[in-house]
Amino acid sequence: MNPTARTQAWSTLAAALALPLLYIGGTHAMPPLSLLGLAVFTTSMMTPPLLRFTSRRRS
């Protein structure tokens, strides 16, 4: 598997796992859990665009 595709797959998994953190943190008034979920979600959603702009062009 292409390393970029592998990184995108892990990023997708991290985004999916961050959603329950956001939900639980928001419904149970736990700001640290919400912030952790937001940080993981934001990082995982920014990874694919960064990979696209920083990857080398294939010939």
N, C-alpha and C. Protein backbone atom coordinates (compact mmCIF):
# COMPACT_ATOMS: atom_id res chain seq x y z
N MET A 1 0.85 -1.18 0.00
CA MET A 1 0.00 0.00 0.00
C MET A 1 0.89 1.23 0.00
N ASN A 2 0.46 2.21 -0.73
CA ASN A 2 1.16 3.49 -0.84
C ASN A 2 1.24 4.14 0.56
N PRO A 3 2.40 4.69 0.93
CA PRO A 3 2.51 5.33 2.25
C PRO A 3 1.52 6.48 2.46
N THR A 4 1.24 7.23 1.41
CA THR A 4 0.28 8.33 1.53
C THR A 4 -1.12 7.78 1.80
N ALA A 5 -1.49 6.73 1.10
CA ALA A 5 -2.81 6.13 1.31
C ALA A 5 -2.91 5.52 2.71
N ARG A 6 -1.83 4.96 3.18
CA ARG A 6 -1.83 4.38 4.52
C ARG A 6 -2.02 5.48 5.57
N THR A 7 -1.34 6.60 5.38
CA THR A 7 -1.49 7.72 6.32
C THR A 7 -2.91 8.27 6.28
N GLN A 8 -3.49 8.35 5.10
CA GLN A 8 -4.87 8.83 4.99
C GLN A 8 -5.85 7.87 5.65
N ALA A 9 -5.59 6.58 5.55
CA ALA A 9 -6.45 5.60 6.20
C ALA A 9 -6.39 5.75 7.72
N TRP A 10 -5.19 5.91 8.26
CA TRP A 10 -5.05 6.11 9.71
C TRP A 10 -5.69 7.42 10.13
N SER A 11 -5.59 8.43 9.29
CA SER A 11 -6.20 9.72 9.60
C SER A 11 -7.72 9.60 9.65
N THR A 12 -8.29 8.84 8.73
CA THR A 12 -9.73 8.62 8.73
C THR A 12 -10.17 7.88 9.99
N LEU A 13 -9.41 6.89 10.38
CA LEU A 13 -9.72 6.14 11.60
C LEU A 13 -9.64 7.05 12.83
N ALA A 14 -8.63 7.90 12.88
CA ALA A 14 -8.49 8.83 14.01
C ALA A 14 -9.67 9.80 14.07
N ALA A 15 -10.11 10.28 12.91
CA ALA A 15 -11.26 11.19 12.89
C ALA A 15 -12.51 10.49 13.38
N ALA A 16 -12.70 9.24 12.98
CA ALA A 16 -13.87 8.49 13.44
C ALA A 16 -13.82 8.23 14.94
N LEU A 17 -12.63 8.00 15.47
CA LEU A 17 -12.50 7.76 16.91
C LEU A 17 -12.61 9.04 17.73
N ALA A 18 -12.38 10.19 17.11
CA ALA A 18 -12.46 11.46 17.83
C ALA A 18 -13.91 11.89 18.03
N LEU A 19 -14.81 11.45 17.18
CA LEU A 19 -16.21 11.88 17.30
C LEU A 19 -16.86 11.46 18.62
N PRO A 20 -16.66 10.22 19.09
CA PRO A 20 -17.23 9.90 20.42
C PRO A 20 -16.64 10.74 21.54
N LEU A 21 -15.35 11.10 21.43
CA LEU A 21 -14.76 11.97 22.45
C LEU A 21 -15.46 13.33 22.47
N LEU A 22 -15.74 13.86 21.30
CA LEU A 22 -16.44 15.14 21.22
C LEU A 22 -17.85 15.02 21.81
N TYR A 23 -18.53 13.94 21.48
CA TYR A 23 -19.90 13.75 21.97
C TYR A 23 -19.94 13.57 23.48
N ILE A 24 -19.12 12.68 23.99
CA ILE A 24 -19.12 12.42 25.44
C ILE A 24 -18.66 13.66 26.21
N GLY A 25 -17.64 14.33 25.71
CA GLY A 25 -17.17 15.54 26.37
C GLY A 25 -18.21 16.64 26.39
N GLY A 26 -19.00 16.73 25.31
CA GLY A 26 -20.02 17.77 25.24
C GLY A 26 -21.25 17.46 26.05
N THR A 27 -21.67 16.21 26.09
CA THR A 27 -22.90 15.88 26.80
C THR A 27 -22.70 15.75 28.30
N HIS A 28 -21.49 15.44 28.74
CA HIS A 28 -21.23 15.26 30.16
C HIS A 28 -20.45 16.43 30.78
N ALA A 29 -20.38 17.54 30.05
CA ALA A 29 -19.71 18.75 30.53
C ALA A 29 -18.29 18.46 30.99
N MET A 30 -17.51 17.84 30.11
CA MET A 30 -16.10 17.53 30.39
C MET A 30 -15.24 18.26 29.36
N PRO A 31 -14.89 19.52 29.63
CA PRO A 31 -14.12 20.30 28.65
C PRO A 31 -12.80 19.66 28.22
N PRO A 32 -12.02 19.04 29.10
CA PRO A 32 -10.76 18.44 28.63
C PRO A 32 -10.98 17.34 27.59
N LEU A 33 -12.04 16.56 27.77
CA LEU A 33 -12.33 15.50 26.81
C LEU A 33 -12.78 16.09 25.48
N SER A 34 -13.56 17.15 25.55
CA SER A 34 -13.98 17.83 24.32
C SER A 34 -12.79 18.42 23.59
N LEU A 35 -11.88 19.03 24.33
CA LEU A 35 -10.70 19.62 23.70
C LEU A 35 -9.79 18.55 23.09
N LEU A 36 -9.66 17.42 23.76
CA LEU A 36 -8.87 16.32 23.20
C LEU A 36 -9.52 15.81 21.91
N GLY A 37 -10.82 15.63 21.93
CA GLY A 37 -11.53 15.19 20.72
C GLY A 37 -11.39 16.19 19.59
N LEU A 38 -11.48 17.48 19.92
CA LEU A 38 -11.34 18.52 18.91
C LEU A 38 -9.93 18.54 18.32
N ALA A 39 -8.93 18.37 19.17
CA ALA A 39 -7.54 18.36 18.69
C ALA A 39 -7.28 17.16 17.78
N VAL A 40 -7.75 15.99 18.19
CA VAL A 40 -7.55 14.79 17.36
C VAL A 40 -8.31 14.92 16.05
N PHE A 41 -9.54 15.39 16.11
CA PHE A 41 -10.35 15.53 14.89
C PHE A 41 -9.73 16.55 13.94
N THR A 42 -9.32 17.69 14.46
CA THR A 42 -8.73 18.72 13.61
C THR A 42 -7.43 18.24 12.97
N THR A 43 -6.59 17.59 13.75
CA THR A 43 -5.34 17.08 13.21
C THR A 43 -5.59 16.03 12.14
N SER A 44 -6.52 15.14 12.39
CA SER A 44 -6.78 14.09 11.41
C SER A 44 -7.44 14.63 10.15
N MET A 45 -8.21 15.70 10.26
CA MET A 45 -8.83 16.27 9.07
C MET A 45 -7.86 17.14 8.27
N MET A 46 -6.83 17.65 8.91
CA MET A 46 -5.85 18.47 8.19
C MET A 46 -4.73 17.64 7.55
N THR A 47 -4.59 16.39 7.93
CA THR A 47 -3.51 15.56 7.41
C THR A 47 -3.62 15.31 5.90
N PRO A 48 -4.77 14.87 5.36
CA PRO A 48 -4.82 14.62 3.91
C PRO A 48 -4.54 15.84 3.04
N PRO A 49 -5.09 17.03 3.34
CA PRO A 49 -4.72 18.17 2.50
C PRO A 49 -3.23 18.52 2.59
N LEU A 50 -2.66 18.39 3.78
CA LEU A 50 -1.22 18.66 3.90
C LEU A 50 -0.40 17.65 3.11
N LEU A 51 -0.81 16.39 3.13
CA LEU A 51 -0.11 15.39 2.34
C LEU A 51 -0.23 15.68 0.85
N ARG A 52 -1.37 16.15 0.44
CA ARG A 52 -1.56 16.45 -0.99
C ARG A 52 -0.66 17.61 -1.43
N PHE A 53 -0.54 18.63 -0.62
CA PHE A 53 0.24 19.79 -1.02
C PHE A 53 1.74 19.59 -0.83
N THR A 54 2.13 18.66 0.03
CA THR A 54 3.56 18.47 0.26
C THR A 54 4.13 17.25 -0.45
N SER A 55 3.28 16.43 -1.06
CA SER A 55 3.80 15.23 -1.73
C SER A 55 4.44 15.59 -3.07
N ARG A 56 5.35 14.74 -3.48
CA ARG A 56 6.01 14.95 -4.77
C ARG A 56 5.08 14.50 -5.88
N ARG A 57 5.18 15.16 -7.00
CA ARG A 57 4.38 14.78 -8.17
C ARG A 57 4.99 13.53 -8.79
N ARG A 58 4.10 12.61 -9.17
CA ARG A 58 4.57 11.41 -9.86
C ARG A 58 4.68 11.67 -11.35
N SER A 59 5.70 11.09 -11.95
CA SER A 59 5.87 11.35 -13.39
C SER A 59 5.15 10.33 -14.24
